[in-house]
Amino acid sequence: MTTSRDAELQSVVDKSGLPLQIAIASQIASSTGPDAFRVLYAEHAWKLPDLNERGFIDLVLEDSRRTTLLAVECKRVLDTDWIFLIPQNERKKRSHAEAWLSYGSSIQMLCYDWADVTCSPDSHESSYCIIPKRDSKATSILETLASDLVNATEALAHEEYQFLRGHDALRMLLSVIVTTARLKTCVFDPNNVSIIDGVMAEAAFEEVPFIRFRKQLTSDYSTIDRQAPDPRALQVQARERTVFVVNSGSLAQFLSLFSVDSGSAQRAVMERHQTRT
């Protein structure tokens, strides 16, 4: 028999988000098929000494080929929409994403950096997310989550370095936020926004199962070529990262469709290697 005190305790546990994380891990563990992901780690500790950052990755998923890792952050929110702004001329779905590539031969590491790759599924992409305010910090939730997750993803790559060095191996790491929030796109024409009061004349809203969130999520640009024709533009690009944001009810669909185009990864590896040589 459930008592009122038990109900209160259950509410506390639910709000922690941990039951959601454990349920997601259980769902993935029970998935079958030749391309199914598996849970490699749960509550995986990470540390970036250079930035003095540390934390835990909720889940680390590995594909069946053992070439792709997804660093996953689970976020439970209550009856909330995350609204992603998309200018009308940018509403075309995207197939690219920033991934960490670690590729080495028995002689040397040919690529050990963030790079742009082609991956499925296609989705809309946005750099702006609005979360209805429940407190003064609400609008910074996604940026904070995404930035921390990007650091965690890079830390995971550094952790793996010792195991990849001296072997012919490719590892591609990407970042994913899974949330109970409804994901909505807001497509609008910037020319139809009043610069007097900032109000849009009209906008089209659509609920989507997942979306790419891409913006400058790191302050690191140490690999920039200072002799390039426009190093400032490269600096901005080098600080951009992609985080997939996935509605929890659509996670199974997302994972079933997810894959990285090997050709684009190989091209990125060669570009990075040529830049360094």
Protein backbone atom coordinates (compact mmCIF):
# COMPACT_ATOMS: atom_id res chain seq x y z
CA MET A 1 0.00 0.00 0.00
CA THR A 2 1.34 3.40 -0.99
CA THR A 3 1.28 5.97 1.78
CA SER A 4 1.17 9.74 1.39
CA ARG A 5 4.80 9.84 2.52
CA ASP A 6 5.76 7.30 -0.14
CA ALA A 7 3.99 9.43 -2.76
CA GLU A 8 6.00 12.46 -1.62
CA LEU A 9 9.23 10.49 -1.83
CA GLN A 10 8.34 9.20 -5.28
CA SER A 11 7.75 12.77 -6.42
CA VAL A 12 11.21 13.72 -5.17
CA VAL A 13 12.77 10.76 -7.00
CA ASP A 14 10.88 11.53 -10.23
CA LYS A 15 12.03 15.16 -10.16
CA SER A 16 15.66 14.05 -9.96
CA GLY A 17 15.43 12.76 -13.52
CA LEU A 18 17.32 9.59 -12.60
CA PRO A 19 14.36 7.25 -13.24
CA LEU A 20 14.19 8.70 -16.77
CA GLN A 21 17.90 8.09 -17.28
CA ILE A 22 17.64 4.51 -16.02
CA ALA A 23 14.55 3.86 -18.15
CA ILE A 24 16.32 5.14 -21.26
CA ALA A 25 19.30 2.90 -20.53
CA SER A 26 16.95 -0.05 -20.08
CA GLN A 27 15.19 0.68 -23.37
CA ILE A 28 18.50 0.81 -25.25
CA ALA A 29 19.77 -2.36 -23.56
CA SER A 30 16.67 -4.23 -24.70
CA SER A 31 16.91 -3.04 -28.31
CA THR A 32 17.90 -5.62 -30.88
CA GLY A 33 19.13 -5.66 -34.46
CA PRO A 34 22.46 -5.53 -36.27
CA ASP A 35 22.69 -1.73 -35.98
CA ALA A 36 21.48 -1.37 -32.39
CA PHE A 37 23.43 0.80 -29.96
CA ARG A 38 24.50 -0.53 -26.58
CA VAL A 39 25.09 1.22 -23.27
CA LEU A 40 28.87 1.32 -22.86
CA TYR A 41 28.90 3.40 -19.66
CA ALA A 42 26.40 4.93 -17.24
CA GLU A 43 27.25 7.81 -14.88
CA HIS A 44 30.69 7.95 -16.47
CA ALA A 45 33.12 10.31 -14.74
CA TRP A 46 35.02 12.78 -16.93
CA LYS A 47 37.61 15.49 -16.43
CA LEU A 48 39.19 18.17 -18.60
CA PRO A 49 42.34 19.25 -16.73
CA ASP A 50 43.10 22.21 -19.00
CA LEU A 51 39.70 23.80 -18.27
CA ASN A 52 39.46 22.48 -14.70
CA GLU A 53 36.09 20.98 -15.64
CA ARG A 54 34.70 17.67 -14.45
CA GLY A 55 31.41 15.83 -14.12
CA PHE A 56 29.49 12.71 -15.13
CA ILE A 57 28.10 11.65 -18.49
CA ASP A 58 24.65 10.15 -17.96
CA LEU A 59 25.06 7.53 -20.69
CA VAL A 60 27.70 6.66 -23.27
CA LEU A 61 26.31 4.66 -26.18
CA GLU A 62 28.36 2.66 -28.68
CA ASP A 63 27.24 1.48 -32.11
CA SER A 64 27.53 -2.11 -33.29
CA ARG A 65 30.62 -1.33 -35.40
CA ARG A 66 32.38 0.13 -32.37
CA THR A 67 33.28 3.29 -34.28
CA THR A 68 30.67 5.75 -32.98
CA LEU A 69 30.11 6.92 -29.42
CA LEU A 70 27.23 9.11 -28.29
CA ALA A 71 27.64 11.07 -25.07
CA VAL A 72 24.08 11.41 -23.78
CA GLU A 73 22.63 13.86 -21.25
CA CYS A 74 19.10 13.06 -20.03
CA LYS A 75 16.95 16.05 -19.04
CA ARG A 76 13.50 15.68 -17.51
CA VAL A 77 11.33 18.81 -17.58
CA LEU A 78 7.64 19.28 -16.83
CA ASP A 79 5.15 20.22 -19.55
CA THR A 80 7.60 22.47 -21.37
CA ASP A 81 8.25 23.46 -24.98
CA TRP A 82 11.75 24.17 -26.21
CA ILE A 83 11.31 26.55 -29.12
CA PHE A 84 14.06 26.74 -31.74
CA LEU A 85 14.15 29.82 -33.96
CA ILE A 86 14.89 29.30 -37.64
CA PRO A 87 15.05 32.18 -40.14
CA GLN A 88 12.99 31.35 -43.22
CA ASN A 89 16.02 31.24 -45.53
CA GLU A 90 17.69 28.66 -43.24
CA ARG A 91 14.79 26.24 -42.86
CA LYS A 92 16.32 23.56 -45.09
CA LYS A 93 17.16 20.41 -43.14
CA ARG A 94 20.84 19.75 -42.45
CA SER A 95 22.92 16.62 -42.74
CA HIS A 96 26.19 17.87 -41.21
CA ALA A 97 27.34 17.90 -37.59
CA GLU A 98 30.50 18.62 -35.63
CA ALA A 99 31.94 15.36 -34.28
CA TRP A 100 35.16 14.51 -32.51
CA LEU A 101 37.30 12.27 -34.72
CA SER A 102 40.10 10.11 -33.37
CA TYR A 103 41.84 8.21 -36.13
CA GLY A 104 45.20 6.58 -35.79
CA SER A 105 47.49 4.19 -37.56
CA SER A 106 50.14 1.99 -36.01
CA ILE A 107 52.57 4.85 -36.63
CA GLN A 108 50.74 8.06 -35.71
CA MET A 109 47.43 9.74 -34.96
CA LEU A 110 46.21 11.17 -38.27
CA CYS A 111 43.29 13.08 -36.77
CA TYR A 112 42.51 14.02 -33.19
CA ASP A 113 40.13 16.96 -33.30
CA TRP A 114 36.61 18.22 -33.94
CA ALA A 115 35.55 18.01 -37.58
CA ASP A 116 32.47 18.46 -39.73
CA VAL A 117 30.94 15.17 -40.90
CA THR A 118 27.80 14.07 -42.70
CA CYS A 119 25.42 12.04 -40.58
CA SER A 120 21.84 10.81 -40.54
CA PRO A 121 19.12 11.53 -39.75
CA ASP A 122 18.72 14.93 -41.39
CA SER A 123 17.04 17.54 -39.24
CA HIS A 124 16.47 21.24 -38.83
CA GLU A 125 19.37 23.18 -37.31
CA SER A 126 19.16 26.18 -35.01
CA SER A 127 21.46 28.35 -32.91
CA TYR A 128 18.65 29.88 -30.86
CA CYS A 129 16.43 28.20 -28.27
CA ILE A 130 13.72 29.82 -26.18
CA ILE A 131 12.41 28.09 -23.07
CA PRO A 132 9.33 29.60 -21.40
CA LYS A 133 10.52 31.28 -18.24
CA ARG A 134 9.83 29.51 -14.99
CA ASP A 135 12.72 31.32 -13.35
CA SER A 136 15.29 33.93 -14.32
CA LYS A 137 17.79 31.29 -15.49
CA ALA A 138 15.44 29.29 -17.72
CA THR A 139 16.70 30.64 -21.02
CA SER A 140 20.28 29.49 -20.29
CA ILE A 141 19.38 25.85 -19.57
CA LEU A 142 20.12 24.45 -23.03
CA GLU A 143 23.29 26.47 -23.60
CA THR A 144 24.66 25.33 -20.23
CA LEU A 145 23.71 21.69 -20.80
CA ALA A 146 25.13 21.70 -24.33
CA SER A 147 28.40 23.39 -23.35
CA ASP A 148 29.00 20.98 -20.47
CA LEU A 149 28.16 18.01 -22.69
CA VAL A 150 30.60 19.15 -25.38
CA ASN A 151 33.34 19.34 -22.74
CA ALA A 152 32.36 15.88 -21.50
CA THR A 153 32.49 14.50 -25.05
CA GLU A 154 35.99 15.88 -25.58
CA ALA A 155 37.10 14.54 -22.21
CA LEU A 156 35.84 11.10 -23.22
CA ALA A 157 37.89 11.32 -26.42
CA HIS A 158 41.02 12.17 -24.43
CA GLU A 159 40.35 9.24 -22.12
CA GLU A 160 40.23 6.90 -25.09
CA TYR A 161 43.47 8.21 -26.59
CA GLN A 162 45.67 5.83 -24.62
CA PHE A 163 43.74 2.85 -25.98
CA LEU A 164 43.80 4.04 -29.61
CA ARG A 165 47.43 5.08 -29.83
CA GLY A 166 49.47 2.63 -31.87
CA HIS A 167 46.44 0.93 -33.43
CA ASP A 168 44.52 1.29 -36.68
CA ALA A 169 41.27 2.62 -35.26
CA LEU A 170 38.58 5.20 -35.91
CA ARG A 171 36.35 6.62 -33.18
CA MET A 172 33.70 9.28 -33.80
CA LEU A 173 32.13 10.97 -30.78
CA LEU A 174 28.96 13.08 -30.84
CA SER A 175 26.82 14.79 -28.22
CA VAL A 176 23.10 14.15 -27.62
CA ILE A 177 20.62 15.69 -25.17
CA VAL A 178 17.50 13.59 -24.58
CA THR A 179 14.64 15.52 -23.01
CA THR A 180 10.98 15.14 -22.14
CA ALA A 181 10.39 18.66 -23.48
CA ARG A 182 8.35 19.10 -26.64
CA LEU A 183 10.63 20.37 -29.39
CA LYS A 184 9.13 23.10 -31.58
CA THR A 185 10.58 24.98 -34.52
CA CYS A 186 9.58 28.57 -35.13
CA VAL A 187 10.19 29.55 -38.76
CA PHE A 188 9.87 33.25 -39.56
CA ASP A 189 10.96 35.89 -42.03
CA PRO A 190 13.44 38.29 -40.34
CA ASN A 191 12.27 41.03 -42.74
CA ASN A 192 8.82 40.78 -41.19
CA VAL A 193 10.00 41.49 -37.65
CA SER A 194 9.35 44.99 -36.39
CA ILE A 195 12.53 46.71 -35.24
CA ILE A 196 10.30 49.05 -33.21
CA ASP A 197 8.88 46.47 -30.82
CA GLY A 198 10.58 43.22 -31.91
CA VAL A 199 7.29 41.51 -32.80
CA MET A 200 7.03 39.05 -35.70
CA ALA A 201 4.26 39.64 -38.23
CA GLU A 202 3.75 35.88 -38.44
CA ALA A 203 5.54 32.61 -37.69
CA ALA A 204 5.05 28.92 -38.43
CA PHE A 205 5.42 26.46 -35.54
CA GLU A 206 6.02 22.72 -35.95
CA GLU A 207 6.73 19.97 -33.44
CA VAL A 208 9.79 17.91 -34.37
CA PRO A 209 11.25 14.69 -32.91
CA PHE A 210 14.85 15.92 -32.92
CA ILE A 211 16.94 18.88 -34.02
CA ARG A 212 20.56 19.99 -34.36
CA PHE A 213 21.57 22.73 -31.92
CA ARG A 214 24.70 24.39 -33.27
CA LYS A 215 26.54 27.41 -31.93
CA GLN A 216 29.80 28.47 -30.25
CA LEU A 217 29.73 26.15 -27.25
CA THR A 218 33.42 26.32 -26.39
CA SER A 219 36.05 29.02 -25.99
CA ASP A 220 38.87 26.80 -27.28
CA TYR A 221 40.33 27.66 -30.68
CA SER A 222 43.94 26.68 -30.12
CA THR A 223 44.19 24.77 -33.40
CA ILE A 224 43.49 27.82 -35.60
CA ASP A 225 45.99 28.57 -38.37
CA ARG A 226 47.01 32.17 -37.65
CA GLN A 227 48.41 32.49 -41.18
CA ALA A 228 45.06 31.71 -42.84
CA PRO A 229 43.51 34.44 -45.05
CA ASP A 230 40.75 35.09 -42.50
CA PRO A 231 41.74 33.58 -39.13
CA ARG A 232 38.88 35.36 -37.32
CA ALA A 233 36.27 33.58 -39.43
CA LEU A 234 38.05 30.29 -38.79
CA GLN A 235 38.14 31.10 -35.08
CA VAL A 236 34.36 31.43 -34.99
CA GLN A 237 33.86 28.23 -36.97
CA ALA A 238 36.33 26.33 -34.79
CA ARG A 239 34.32 27.17 -31.66
CA GLU A 240 31.06 25.86 -33.10
CA ARG A 241 29.79 22.48 -31.94
CA THR A 242 26.70 20.43 -32.76
CA VAL A 243 24.53 18.90 -30.07
CA PHE A 244 21.57 16.77 -31.12
CA VAL A 245 18.47 17.49 -29.05
CA VAL A 246 16.04 14.56 -29.07
CA ASN A 247 12.58 14.21 -27.58
CA SER A 248 12.67 11.18 -25.28
CA GLY A 249 9.67 9.59 -26.99
CA SER A 250 11.55 9.71 -30.31
CA LEU A 251 14.90 8.38 -29.08
CA ALA A 252 14.36 4.87 -30.47
CA GLN A 253 13.56 6.36 -33.88
CA PHE A 254 16.61 8.65 -33.73
CA LEU A 255 19.00 5.82 -32.85
CA SER A 256 17.56 3.52 -35.52
CA LEU A 257 18.28 6.20 -38.15
CA PHE A 258 21.61 7.41 -36.79
CA SER A 259 24.77 6.83 -38.80
CA VAL A 260 27.86 8.76 -39.82
CA ASP A 261 28.88 8.76 -43.48
CA SER A 262 32.27 7.03 -43.52
CA GLY A 263 33.34 8.91 -46.64
CA SER A 264 32.87 12.30 -45.00
CA ALA A 265 34.77 11.12 -41.92
CA GLN A 266 37.68 9.91 -44.05
CA ARG A 267 37.78 13.23 -45.92
CA ALA A 268 37.81 15.12 -42.62
CA VAL A 269 40.65 12.92 -41.37
CA MET A 270 42.76 13.62 -44.46
CA GLU A 271 42.05 17.36 -44.28
CA ARG A 272 43.17 17.48 -40.65
CA HIS A 273 46.25 15.39 -41.39
CA GLN A 274 47.26 17.59 -44.35
CA THR A 275 46.75 20.74 -42.25
CA ARG A 276 49.17 19.42 -39.64
CA THR A 277 51.77 18.32 -42.17
